[in-house]
C-alpha atoms as a PDB file:
ATOM      1  CA  MET A   1       3.481  57.694  -6.886  1.00  0.00           C
ATOM      2  CA  ASN A   2       6.762  56.343  -5.574  1.00  0.00           C
ATOM      3  CA  LYS A   3      10.240  57.885  -5.696  1.00  0.00           C
ATOM      4  CA  THR A   4      11.123  56.397  -9.100  1.00  0.00           C
ATOM      5  CA  GLU A   5       7.904  57.663 -10.642  1.00  0.00           C
ATOM      6  CA  LEU A   6       8.496  61.102  -9.123  1.00  0.00           C
ATOM      7  CA  ILE A   7      12.017  61.210 -10.595  1.00  0.00           C
ATOM      8  CA  ASP A   8      10.626  60.258 -14.014  1.00  0.00           C
ATOM      9  CA  HIS A   9       7.989  62.985 -13.738  1.00  0.00           C
ATOM     10  CA  MET A  10      10.560  65.600 -12.659  1.00  0.00           C
ATOM     11  CA  ALA A  11      12.895  64.657 -15.521  1.00  0.00           C
ATOM     12  CA  THR A  12      10.095  64.961 -18.077  1.00  0.00           C
ATOM     13  CA  LYS A  13       8.656  68.243 -16.777  1.00  0.00           C
ATOM     14  CA  ALA A  14      12.046  69.942 -16.255  1.00  0.00           C
ATOM     15  CA  ASP A  15      13.536  68.497 -19.469  1.00  0.00           C
ATOM     16  CA  ILE A  16      16.548  67.093 -17.600  1.00  0.00           C
ATOM     17  CA  SER A  17      18.054  63.638 -17.321  1.00  0.00           C
ATOM     18  CA  LYS A  18      16.724  61.129 -14.816  1.00  0.00           C
ATOM     19  CA  ALA A  19      20.116  61.168 -13.078  1.00  0.00           C
ATOM     20  CA  ALA A  20      19.939  64.954 -12.624  1.00  0.00           C
ATOM     21  CA  ALA A  21      16.357  64.699 -11.373  1.00  0.00           C
ATOM     22  CA  ALA A  22      17.390  61.984  -8.893  1.00  0.00           C
ATOM     23  CA  ARG A  23      20.264  64.142  -7.600  1.00  0.00           C
ATOM     24  CA  ALA A  24      17.939  67.144  -7.258  1.00  0.00           C
ATOM     25  CA  LEU A  25      15.328  65.141  -5.358  1.00  0.00           C
ATOM     26  CA  ASP A  26      17.949  63.581  -3.081  1.00  0.00           C
ATOM     27  CA  ALA A  27      19.463  67.028  -2.392  1.00  0.00           C
ATOM     28  CA  MET A  28      16.027  68.396  -1.481  1.00  0.00           C
ATOM     29  CA  ILE A  29      15.310  65.492   0.866  1.00  0.00           C
ATOM     30  CA  VAL A  30      18.709  65.861   2.571  1.00  0.00           C
ATOM     31  CA  GLY A  31      18.149  69.614   2.916  1.00  0.00           C
ATOM     32  CA  VAL A  32      14.754  69.127   4.569  1.00  0.00           C
ATOM     33  CA  LYS A  33      16.119  66.415   6.918  1.00  0.00           C
ATOM     34  CA  THR A  34      19.099  68.553   7.938  1.00  0.00           C
ATOM     35  CA  THR A  35      16.952  71.599   8.642  1.00  0.00           C
ATOM     36  CA  LEU A  36      14.405  69.609  10.669  1.00  0.00           C
ATOM     37  CA  LYS A  37      17.186  67.909  12.642  1.00  0.00           C
ATOM     38  CA  LYS A  38      18.474  71.357  13.643  1.00  0.00           C
ATOM     39  CA  GLY A  39      14.982  72.282  14.839  1.00  0.00           C
ATOM     40  CA  GLY A  40      14.108  74.562  11.929  1.00  0.00           C
ATOM     41  CA  SER A  41      11.279  74.448   9.436  1.00  0.00           C
ATOM     42  CA  VAL A  42      11.125  74.422   5.636  1.00  0.00           C
ATOM     43  CA  THR A  43       8.426  76.484   3.942  1.00  0.00           C
ATOM     44  CA  LEU A  44       7.648  76.083   0.252  1.00  0.00           C
ATOM     45  CA  VAL A  45       5.187  78.849  -0.589  1.00  0.00           C
ATOM     46  CA  GLY A  46       2.077  77.424  -2.208  1.00  0.00           C
ATOM     47  CA  PHE A  47       3.049  73.851  -1.282  1.00  0.00           C
ATOM     48  CA  GLY A  48       3.393  73.639   2.497  1.00  0.00           C
ATOM     49  CA  THR A  49       5.615  73.653   5.550  1.00  0.00           C
ATOM     50  CA  PHE A  50       7.730  70.886   7.035  1.00  0.00           C
ATOM     51  CA  ALA A  51       8.325  71.362  10.776  1.00  0.00           C
ATOM     52  CA  VAL A  52       9.243  69.431  13.919  1.00  0.00           C
ATOM     53  CA  SER A  53       6.760  68.973  16.744  1.00  0.00           C
ATOM     54  CA  THR A  54       7.316  67.466  20.178  1.00  0.00           C
ATOM     55  CA  ARG A  55       4.979  64.686  21.233  1.00  0.00           C
ATOM     56  CA  ALA A  56       4.592  64.554  25.022  1.00  0.00           C
ATOM     57  CA  ALA A  57       5.432  61.520  27.120  1.00  0.00           C
ATOM     58  CA  ARG A  58       2.408  59.385  27.823  1.00  0.00           C
ATOM     59  CA  THR A  59       1.217  56.050  29.157  1.00  0.00           C
ATOM     60  CA  GLY A  60       0.267  53.399  26.635  1.00  0.00           C
ATOM     61  CA  ARG A  61      -0.819  49.779  26.759  1.00  0.00           C
ATOM     62  CA  ASN A  62       0.893  46.635  25.518  1.00  0.00           C
ATOM     63  CA  PRO A  63      -1.736  45.195  23.146  1.00  0.00           C
ATOM     64  CA  ARG A  64      -0.827  41.591  23.974  1.00  0.00           C
ATOM     65  CA  THR A  65      -0.838  41.792  27.772  1.00  0.00           C
ATOM     66  CA  GLY A  66      -2.782  44.978  28.492  1.00  0.00           C
ATOM     67  CA  GLU A  67       0.115  46.053  30.725  1.00  0.00           C
ATOM     68  CA  ALA A  68       0.663  49.821  31.073  1.00  0.00           C
ATOM     69  CA  ILE A  69       3.925  51.066  29.564  1.00  0.00           C
ATOM     70  CA  LYS A  70       5.605  54.455  29.520  1.00  0.00           C
ATOM     71  CA  ILE A  71       6.165  56.039  26.119  1.00  0.00           C
ATOM     72  CA  LYS A  72       8.936  58.642  26.051  1.00  0.00           C
ATOM     73  CA  LYS A  73       8.455  62.089  24.576  1.00  0.00           C
ATOM     74  CA  ALA A  74       9.581  62.291  20.969  1.00  0.00           C
ATOM     75  CA  LYS A  75      10.237  64.779  18.208  1.00  0.00           C
ATOM     76  CA  VAL A  76       8.123  64.029  15.145  1.00  0.00           C
ATOM     77  CA  PRO A  77       8.172  65.593  11.670  1.00  0.00           C
ATOM     78  CA  LYS A  78       4.948  67.229  10.525  1.00  0.00           C
ATOM     79  CA  PHE A  79       3.730  68.601   7.206  1.00  0.00           C
ATOM     80  CA  ARG A  80       1.181  71.376   6.975  1.00  0.00           C
ATOM     81  CA  PRO A  81      -0.150  71.863   3.430  1.00  0.00           C
ATOM     82  CA  GLY A  82      -0.314  75.353   1.947  1.00  0.00           C
ATOM     83  CA  LYS A  83      -3.413  77.068   0.618  1.00  0.00           C
ATOM     84  CA  ALA A  84      -2.568  76.459  -3.061  1.00  0.00           C
ATOM     85  CA  LEU A  85      -2.012  72.725  -2.460  1.00  0.00           C
ATOM     86  CA  LYS A  86      -5.311  72.428  -0.581  1.00  0.00           C
ATOM     87  CA  GLU A  87      -7.143  74.200  -3.407  1.00  0.00           C
ATOM     88  CA  ALA A  88      -5.461  72.019  -6.072  1.00  0.00           C
ATOM     89  CA  VAL A  89      -6.595  68.844  -4.298  1.00  0.00           C
ATOM     90  CA  ASN A  90     -10.152  70.078  -3.839  1.00  0.00           C
END
């Protein structure tokens, strides 16, 4: 499912226009991004938790030359599914 299909699904299930569903989805995405950028986490009970994790600096290899390169530490977004989502999938 892509973003357009998700908007269509939201509009149908919530009995709202596609434009309203698109605005709602965009607002949710912006809210999650803003919270993660500030270092917080977003928990949706029954669905899961979006959080930021720090990946340590490490040494990697250039696949073309085999030369060792340094990879800087980085903040990466993570999603941890909730119990209800895990049960729904299984």
